[in-house]
């Protein structure tokens, strides 16, 4: 299909331009990322269990400590 060919072309062009005008990064824009360590997973799990995201009246998001063990 021509649409699939256009999508592949569009992706290649986008990746080419991201090298020059994209967000600052030292990795290739099509790089998959790195492996997350067990320590990072544990830290993220603890943060999600200990805090909750609350949006204040000013529209800003804040992390607030949960009240009890059930949250």
PDB file of N, CA and C in Angstrom:
ATOM      1  N   UNK A   1       0.839  -1.194   0.000  1.00  0.00           N
ATOM      2  CA  UNK A   1       0.000   0.000   0.000  1.00  0.00           C
ATOM      3  C   UNK A   1       0.875   1.246   0.000  1.00  0.00           C
ATOM      4  N   UNK A   2       0.403   2.255  -0.682  1.00  0.00           N
ATOM      5  CA  UNK A   2       1.149   3.513  -0.748  1.00  0.00           C
ATOM      6  C   UNK A   2       1.196   4.199   0.613  1.00  0.00           C
ATOM      7  N   UNK A   3       0.148   4.017   1.405  1.00  0.00           N
ATOM      8  CA  UNK A   3       0.107   4.663   2.714  1.00  0.00           C
ATOM      9  C   UNK A   3       1.221   4.128   3.617  1.00  0.00           C
ATOM     10  N   UNK A   4       1.462   2.820   3.586  1.00  0.00           N
ATOM     11  CA  UNK A   4       2.531   2.242   4.383  1.00  0.00           C
ATOM     12  C   UNK A   4       3.894   2.755   3.934  1.00  0.00           C
ATOM     13  N   UNK A   5       4.092   2.869   2.635  1.00  0.00           N
ATOM     14  CA  UNK A   5       5.346   3.388   2.110  1.00  0.00           C
ATOM     15  C   UNK A   5       5.532   4.837   2.558  1.00  0.00           C
ATOM     16  N   UNK A   6       4.457   5.627   2.540  1.00  0.00           N
ATOM     17  CA  UNK A   6       4.543   7.017   2.990  1.00  0.00           C
ATOM     18  C   UNK A   6       4.881   7.080   4.474  1.00  0.00           C
ATOM     19  N   UNK A   7       4.293   6.195   5.278  1.00  0.00           N
ATOM     20  CA  UNK A   7       4.585   6.184   6.712  1.00  0.00           C
ATOM     21  C   UNK A   7       6.054   5.892   6.973  1.00  0.00           C
ATOM     22  N   UNK A   8       6.615   4.915   6.275  1.00  0.00           N
ATOM     23  CA  UNK A   8       8.033   4.597   6.447  1.00  0.00           C
ATOM     24  C   UNK A   8       8.913   5.775   6.023  1.00  0.00           C
ATOM     25  N   UNK A   9       8.553   6.411   4.918  1.00  0.00           N
ATOM     26  CA  UNK A   9       9.314   7.571   4.449  1.00  0.00           C
ATOM     27  C   UNK A   9       9.213   8.709   5.469  1.00  0.00           C
ATOM     28  N   UNK A  10       8.015   8.944   5.974  1.00  0.00           N
ATOM     29  CA  UNK A  10       7.798  10.010   6.950  1.00  0.00           C
ATOM     30  C   UNK A  10       8.605   9.749   8.225  1.00  0.00           C
ATOM     31  N   UNK A  11       8.656   8.505   8.662  1.00  0.00           N
ATOM     32  CA  UNK A  11       9.435   8.170   9.850  1.00  0.00           C
ATOM     33  C   UNK A  11      10.921   8.418   9.617  1.00  0.00           C
ATOM     34  N   UNK A  12      11.428   8.038   8.468  1.00  0.00           N
ATOM     35  CA  UNK A  12      12.843   8.261   8.165  1.00  0.00           C
ATOM     36  C   UNK A  12      13.176   9.746   8.112  1.00  0.00           C
ATOM     37  N   UNK A  13      12.309  10.527   7.490  1.00  0.00           N
ATOM     38  CA  UNK A  13      12.543  11.973   7.405  1.00  0.00           C
ATOM     39  C   UNK A  13      12.489  12.597   8.798  1.00  0.00           C
ATOM     40  N   UNK A  14      11.517  12.173   9.597  1.00  0.00           N
ATOM     41  CA  UNK A  14      11.392  12.704  10.955  1.00  0.00           C
ATOM     42  C   UNK A  14      12.629  12.377  11.777  1.00  0.00           C
ATOM     43  N   UNK A  15      13.090  11.135  11.724  1.00  0.00           N
ATOM     44  CA  UNK A  15      14.281  10.753  12.471  1.00  0.00           C
ATOM     45  C   UNK A  15      15.514  11.515  11.998  1.00  0.00           C
ATOM     46  N   UNK A  16      15.594  11.789  10.707  1.00  0.00           N
ATOM     47  CA  UNK A  16      16.705  12.569  10.177  1.00  0.00           C
ATOM     48  C   UNK A  16      16.698  13.983  10.761  1.00  0.00           C
ATOM     49  N   UNK A  17      15.536  14.636  10.732  1.00  0.00           N
ATOM     50  CA  UNK A  17      15.470  16.010  11.236  1.00  0.00           C
ATOM     51  C   UNK A  17      15.598  16.085  12.753  1.00  0.00           C
ATOM     52  N   UNK A  18      15.194  15.035  13.473  1.00  0.00           N
ATOM     53  CA  UNK A  18      15.344  15.039  14.925  1.00  0.00           C
ATOM     54  C   UNK A  18      16.806  15.128  15.343  1.00  0.00           C
ATOM     55  N   UNK A  19      17.705  14.669  14.496  1.00  0.00           N
ATOM     56  CA  UNK A  19      19.123  14.770  14.813  1.00  0.00           C
ATOM     57  C   UNK A  19      19.560  16.225  14.938  1.00  0.00           C
ATOM     58  N   UNK A  20      18.895  17.107  14.221  1.00  0.00           N
ATOM     59  CA  UNK A  20      19.307  18.507  14.173  1.00  0.00           C
ATOM     60  C   UNK A  20      18.396  19.449  14.957  1.00  0.00           C
ATOM     61  N   UNK A  21      17.114  19.186  14.985  1.00  0.00           N
ATOM     62  CA  UNK A  21      16.184  20.131  15.614  1.00  0.00           C
ATOM     63  C   UNK A  21      15.410  19.513  16.759  1.00  0.00           C
ATOM     64  N   UNK A  22      15.679  18.269  17.093  1.00  0.00           N
ATOM     65  CA  UNK A  22      14.931  17.590  18.134  1.00  0.00           C
ATOM     66  C   UNK A  22      15.421  17.961  19.523  1.00  0.00           C
ATOM     67  N   UNK A  23      14.878  17.291  20.517  1.00  0.00           N
ATOM     68  CA  UNK A  23      15.312  17.560  21.889  1.00  0.00           C
ATOM     69  C   UNK A  23      16.776  17.181  22.077  1.00  0.00           C
ATOM     70  N   UNK A  24      17.494  17.898  22.936  1.00  0.00           N
ATOM     71  CA  UNK A  24      18.905  17.587  23.128  1.00  0.00           C
ATOM     72  C   UNK A  24      19.074  16.205  23.746  1.00  0.00           C
ATOM     73  N   UNK A  25      19.826  15.372  23.092  1.00  0.00           N
ATOM     74  CA  UNK A  25      20.053  14.015  23.560  1.00  0.00           C
ATOM     75  C   UNK A  25      21.345  13.499  22.959  1.00  0.00           C
ATOM     76  N   UNK A  26      22.005  12.631  23.697  1.00  0.00           N
ATOM     77  CA  UNK A  26      23.223  12.041  23.163  1.00  0.00           C
ATOM     78  C   UNK A  26      22.949  10.707  22.488  1.00  0.00           C
ATOM     79  N   UNK A  27      21.748  10.166  22.684  1.00  0.00           N
ATOM     80  CA  UNK A  27      21.393   8.884  22.074  1.00  0.00           C
ATOM     81  C   UNK A  27      20.733   9.117  20.720  1.00  0.00           C
ATOM     82  N   UNK A  28      20.713   8.088  19.919  1.00  0.00           N
ATOM     83  CA  UNK A  28      20.031   8.167  18.630  1.00  0.00           C
ATOM     84  C   UNK A  28      18.528   8.285  18.864  1.00  0.00           C
ATOM     85  N   UNK A  29      17.814   9.056  18.042  1.00  0.00           N
ATOM     86  CA  UNK A  29      16.379   9.251  18.276  1.00  0.00           C
ATOM     87  C   UNK A  29      15.561   7.980  18.127  1.00  0.00           C
ATOM     88  N   UNK A  30      16.071   6.991  17.433  1.00  0.00           N
ATOM     89  CA  UNK A  30      15.332   5.741  17.289  1.00  0.00           C
ATOM     90  C   UNK A  30      15.827   4.678  18.274  1.00  0.00           C
ATOM     91  N   UNK A  31      16.613   5.089  19.254  1.00  0.00           N
ATOM     92  CA  UNK A  31      17.143   4.179  20.270  1.00  0.00           C
ATOM     93  C   UNK A  31      16.020   3.738  21.202  1.00  0.00           C
ATOM     94  N   UNK A  32      16.008   2.492  21.583  1.00  0.00           N
ATOM     95  CA  UNK A  32      14.937   1.930  22.410  1.00  0.00           C
ATOM     96  C   UNK A  32      15.024   2.351  23.875  1.00  0.00           C
ATOM     97  N   UNK A  33      16.144   2.788  24.343  1.00  0.00           N
ATOM     98  CA  UNK A  33      16.296   3.155  25.741  1.00  0.00           C
ATOM     99  C   UNK A  33      17.191   2.157  26.456  1.00  0.00           C
ATOM    100  N   UNK A  34      17.231   2.264  27.757  1.00  0.00           N
ATOM    101  CA  UNK A  34      18.089   1.371  28.529  1.00  0.00           C
ATOM    102  C   UNK A  34      17.226   0.488  29.424  1.00  0.00           C
ATOM    103  N   UNK A  35      17.838  -0.516  29.986  1.00  0.00           N
ATOM    104  CA  UNK A  35      17.144  -1.430  30.883  1.00  0.00           C
ATOM    105  C   UNK A  35      16.975  -0.757  32.238  1.00  0.00           C
ATOM    106  N   UNK A  36      15.791  -0.893  32.816  1.00  0.00           N
ATOM    107  CA  UNK A  36      15.516  -0.320  34.124  1.00  0.00           C
ATOM    108  C   UNK A  36      16.004  -1.288  35.187  1.00  0.00           C
ATOM    109  N   UNK A  37      16.740  -0.759  36.170  1.00  0.00           N
ATOM    110  CA  UNK A  37      17.286  -1.614  37.218  1.00  0.00           C
ATOM    111  C   UNK A  37      16.219  -1.928  38.268  1.00  0.00           C
ATOM    112  N   UNK A  38      16.467  -2.976  39.057  1.00  0.00           N
ATOM    113  CA  UNK A  38      15.537  -3.351  40.122  1.00  0.00           C
ATOM    114  C   UNK A  38      15.434  -2.247  41.163  1.00  0.00           C
ATOM    115  N   UNK A  39      16.533  -1.547  41.414  1.00  0.00           N
ATOM    116  CA  UNK A  39      16.528  -0.443  42.375  1.00  0.00           C
ATOM    117  C   UNK A  39      15.599   0.679  41.903  1.00  0.00           C
ATOM    118  N   UNK A  40      15.641   0.989  40.622  1.00  0.00           N
ATOM    119  CA  UNK A  40      14.765   2.029  40.084  1.00  0.00           C
ATOM    120  C   UNK A  40      13.297   1.619  40.156  1.00  0.00           C
ATOM    121  N   UNK A  41      13.023   0.349  39.881  1.00  0.00           N
ATOM    122  CA  UNK A  41      11.649  -0.142  39.969  1.00  0.00           C
ATOM    123  C   UNK A  41      11.148  -0.059  41.411  1.00  0.00           C
ATOM    124  N   UNK A  42      11.985  -0.453  42.358  1.00  0.00           N
ATOM    125  CA  UNK A  42      11.606  -0.398  43.775  1.00  0.00           C
ATOM    126  C   UNK A  42      11.365   1.040  44.221  1.00  0.00           C
ATOM    127  N   UNK A  43      12.222   1.952  43.782  1.00  0.00           N
ATOM    128  CA  UNK A  43      12.068   3.366  44.148  1.00  0.00           C
ATOM    129  C   UNK A  43      10.777   3.941  43.573  1.00  0.00           C
ATOM    130  N   UNK A  44      10.476   3.604  42.325  1.00  0.00           N
ATOM    131  CA  UNK A  44       9.251   4.081  41.680  1.00  0.00           C
ATOM    132  C   UNK A  44       8.013   3.506  42.370  1.00  0.00           C
ATOM    133  N   UNK A  45       8.056   2.227  42.706  1.00  0.00           N
ATOM    134  CA  UNK A  45       6.934   1.586  43.395  1.00  0.00           C
ATOM    135  C   UNK A  45       6.695   2.233  44.751  1.00  0.00           C
ATOM    136  N   UNK A  46       7.766   2.474  45.485  1.00  0.00           N
ATOM    137  CA  UNK A  46       7.635   3.128  46.791  1.00  0.00           C
ATOM    138  C   UNK A  46       7.039   4.532  46.644  1.00  0.00           C
ATOM    139  N   UNK A  47       7.498   5.286  45.676  1.00  0.00           N
ATOM    140  CA  UNK A  47       6.989   6.648  45.483  1.00  0.00           C
ATOM    141  C   UNK A  47       5.501   6.634  45.126  1.00  0.00           C
ATOM    142  N   UNK A  48       5.095   5.696  44.284  1.00  0.00           N
ATOM    143  CA  UNK A  48       3.680   5.621  43.909  1.00  0.00           C
ATOM    144  C   UNK A  48       2.796   5.184  45.070  1.00  0.00           C
ATOM    145  N   UNK A  49       3.343   4.371  45.987  1.00  0.00           N
ATOM    146  CA  UNK A  49       2.573   3.928  47.137  1.00  0.00           C
ATOM    147  C   UNK A  49       2.555   4.965  48.253  1.00  0.00           C
ATOM    148  N   UNK A  50       3.620   5.742  48.398  1.00  0.00           N
ATOM    149  CA  UNK A  50       3.737   6.689  49.497  1.00  0.00           C
ATOM    150  C   UNK A  50       3.129   8.053  49.182  1.00  0.00           C
ATOM    151  N   UNK A  51       3.020   8.406  47.898  1.00  0.00           N
ATOM    152  CA  UNK A  51       2.535   9.725  47.526  1.00  0.00           C
ATOM    153  C   UNK A  51       1.400   9.627  46.517  1.00  0.00           C
ATOM    154  N   UNK A  52       0.600  10.677  46.461  1.00  0.00           N
ATOM    155  CA  UNK A  52      -0.432  10.776  45.434  1.00  0.00           C
ATOM    156  C   UNK A  52      -0.337  12.154  44.787  1.00  0.00           C
ATOM    157  N   UNK A  53      -0.727  12.209  43.549  1.00  0.00           N
ATOM    158  CA  UNK A  53      -0.673  13.461  42.787  1.00  0.00           C
ATOM    159  C   UNK A  53      -1.981  14.207  42.992  1.00  0.00           C
ATOM    160  N   UNK A  54      -1.871  15.465  43.416  1.00  0.00           N
ATOM    161  CA  UNK A  54      -3.035  16.308  43.662  1.00  0.00           C
ATOM    162  C   UNK A  54      -2.871  17.587  42.857  1.00  0.00           C
ATOM    163  N   UNK A  55      -3.940  18.007  42.200  1.00  0.00           N
ATOM    164  CA  UNK A  55      -3.917  19.260  41.446  1.00  0.00           C
ATOM    165  C   UNK A  55      -4.545  20.334  42.324  1.00  0.00           C
ATOM    166  N   UNK A  56      -3.766  21.379  42.584  1.00  0.00           N
ATOM    167  CA  UNK A  56      -4.238  22.465  43.434  1.00  0.00           C
ATOM    168  C   UNK A  56      -5.153  23.411  42.676  1.00  0.00           C
ATOM    169  N   UNK A  57      -5.742  24.376  43.390  1.00  0.00           N
ATOM    170  CA  UNK A  57      -6.652  25.335  42.749  1.00  0.00           C
ATOM    171  C   UNK A  57      -5.966  26.213  41.702  1.00  0.00           C
ATOM    172  N   UNK A  58      -4.644  26.313  41.794  1.00  0.00           N
ATOM    173  CA  UNK A  58      -3.904  27.101  40.808  1.00  0.00           C
ATOM    174  C   UNK A  58      -3.591  26.302  39.546  1.00  0.00           C
ATOM    175  N   UNK A  59      -3.965  25.003  39.532  1.00  0.00           N
ATOM    176  CA  UNK A  59      -3.745  24.168  38.365  1.00  0.00           C
ATOM    177  C   UNK A  59      -2.419  23.442  38.366  1.00  0.00           C
ATOM    178  N   UNK A  60      -1.592  23.663  39.375  1.00  0.00           N
ATOM    179  CA  UNK A  60      -0.299  22.991  39.466  1.00  0.00           C
ATOM    180  C   UNK A  60      -0.463  21.640  40.150  1.00  0.00           C
ATOM    181  N   UNK A  61       0.347  20.680  39.734  1.00  0.00           N
ATOM    182  CA  UNK A  61       0.306  19.350  40.329  1.00  0.00           C
ATOM    183  C   UNK A  61       1.314  19.265  41.472  1.00  0.00           C
ATOM    184  N   UNK A  62       0.886  18.632  42.566  1.00  0.00           N
ATOM    185  CA  UNK A  62       1.727  18.466  43.738  1.00  0.00           C
ATOM    186  C   UNK A  62       1.715  17.003  44.152  1.00  0.00           C
ATOM    187  N   UNK A  63       2.825  16.540  44.749  1.00  0.00           N
ATOM    188  CA  UNK A  63       2.854  15.219  45.354  1.00  0.00           C
ATOM    189  C   UNK A  63       2.592  15.381  46.835  1.00  0.00           C
ATOM    190  N   UNK A  64       1.581  14.656  47.317  1.00  0.00           N
ATOM    191  CA  UNK A  64       1.178  14.750  48.710  1.00  0.00           C
ATOM    192  C   UNK A  64       1.304  13.364  49.322  1.00  0.00           C
ATOM    193  N   UNK A  65       1.841  13.312  50.545  1.00  0.00           N
ATOM    194  CA  UNK A  65       1.990  12.032  51.212  1.00  0.00           C
ATOM    195  C   UNK A  65       0.613  11.445  51.529  1.00  0.00           C
ATOM    196  N   UNK A  66       0.462  10.157  51.286  1.00  0.00           N
ATOM    197  CA  UNK A  66      -0.808   9.488  51.554  1.00  0.00           C
ATOM    198  C   UNK A  66      -1.039   9.414  53.067  1.00  0.00           C
ATOM    199  N   UNK A  67      -2.318   9.383  53.468  1.00  0.00           N
ATOM    200  CA  UNK A  67      -2.670   9.400  54.891  1.00  0.00           C
ATOM    201  C   UNK A  67      -2.350   8.104  55.624  1.00  0.00           C
ATOM    202  N   UNK A  68      -2.721   6.968  55.038  1.00  0.00           N
ATOM    203  CA  UNK A  68      -2.519   5.715  55.729  1.00  0.00           C
ATOM    204  C   UNK A  68      -1.941   4.659  54.823  1.00  0.00           C
ATOM    205  N   UNK A  69      -1.859   3.430  55.328  1.00  0.00           N
ATOM    206  CA  UNK A  69      -1.294   2.359  54.501  1.00  0.00           C
ATOM    207  C   UNK A  69      -2.162   2.012  53.314  1.00  0.00           C
ATOM    208  N   UNK A  70      -3.467   2.285  53.367  1.00  0.00           N
ATOM    209  CA  UNK A  70      -4.339   1.983  52.238  1.00  0.00           C
ATOM    210  C   UNK A  70      -4.385   3.113  51.259  1.00  0.00           C
ATOM    211  N   UNK A  71      -3.992   4.302  51.672  1.00  0.00           N
ATOM    212  CA  UNK A  71      -3.957   5.428  50.762  1.00  0.00           C
ATOM    213  C   UNK A  71      -5.260   6.078  50.707  1.00  0.00           C
TER     214      UNK A  71
END
